[in-house]
Amino acid sequence: MEEKSVNKTNSNGYTFMFAVIMVVVVAAVLAFAATSLQPTQQENIRKEKMQNILSTVGIATDRDGAKELYDQYIVEEVAIREDGSVDESVDAFKVDLAKELKKPVNEQVFPLYVAEVEGSRYYIVPLRGNGLWNAIFGYISLKDDVNTIKGATFDHLGETPGLGAEITKEWFRKKFEDEKIFDENGNLVGVSVVKGNIDVSDKDDNKVDAISGATITGDGVSDMISERLKRYLPYFEQQKDIKVAIK
């Protein structure tokens, strides 16, 4: 009788059944953990977004302090339509640019965040475009003339380490500070990432020096800045307190 019991536990059927049970148990545990952690993960994503928005206007914070400072400095969240009108029915903070960019332009919503820091007003625009391998994205803030860049932050999903991935580094982001997005004729041209002898002191040339070996990623940054900012022109043109002459 004991020999039959041993043979039964050593059989292929028993092994297979044990494996199935273990897979089911592990899957159930993982599913429970994923469901339990989802609210925390979503909250961390929200706070990280707040951190990135604040960083473009010079407000540094850790994740824990992000919400308090965001509520302190971000005075307005606006969801804009193609014609420059504000859509009050849309929560600007919840707009997913990855999904919006798949829609026709006339159906898209363009989020805008307005910050007030030490008496100065800034307009923060979310960015999203294409790099070499995958999406690139970030935020860019404009001073109250809606022409001069206060700061920018960039990120990516799959750019090459040491090359395109360098767009996340502070030394690259700082190149955009005080650059102009309008040319001398009042046309919105953004800021181009270009190779060559760039005069870093010239903040009116609408150019910053490219990352060596990352031409396609740099072009992606240039394209997404100009494409995204142009979507906000109708809104800015309707604001009476804008100082810059917009053509």
Foldseek 3Di string as FASTA:
>chain_A
DVVVVVVVCVDPVNVVVVVVVVVVVVVVVVVVVCVVCVVVVVLQVLLVVLQQQVVQQPDHDDSVCSVVVSVVWFPDKFKAAQLQDTDPVDDLSPDDVVVQVVDPRRPHIWIWTWTADPNWIKIKGKWWWDFDPGIKIWIWIDTLLLFFTQWIAIQTDDDDPPFLRCSRPPVNGVLRHRATQAAPVQEGQAAAADDDDDDSVDRRPSYGHHTPPRVRSRRGVSVRRSVRSVSNVSNLVPDPSNDGDHD
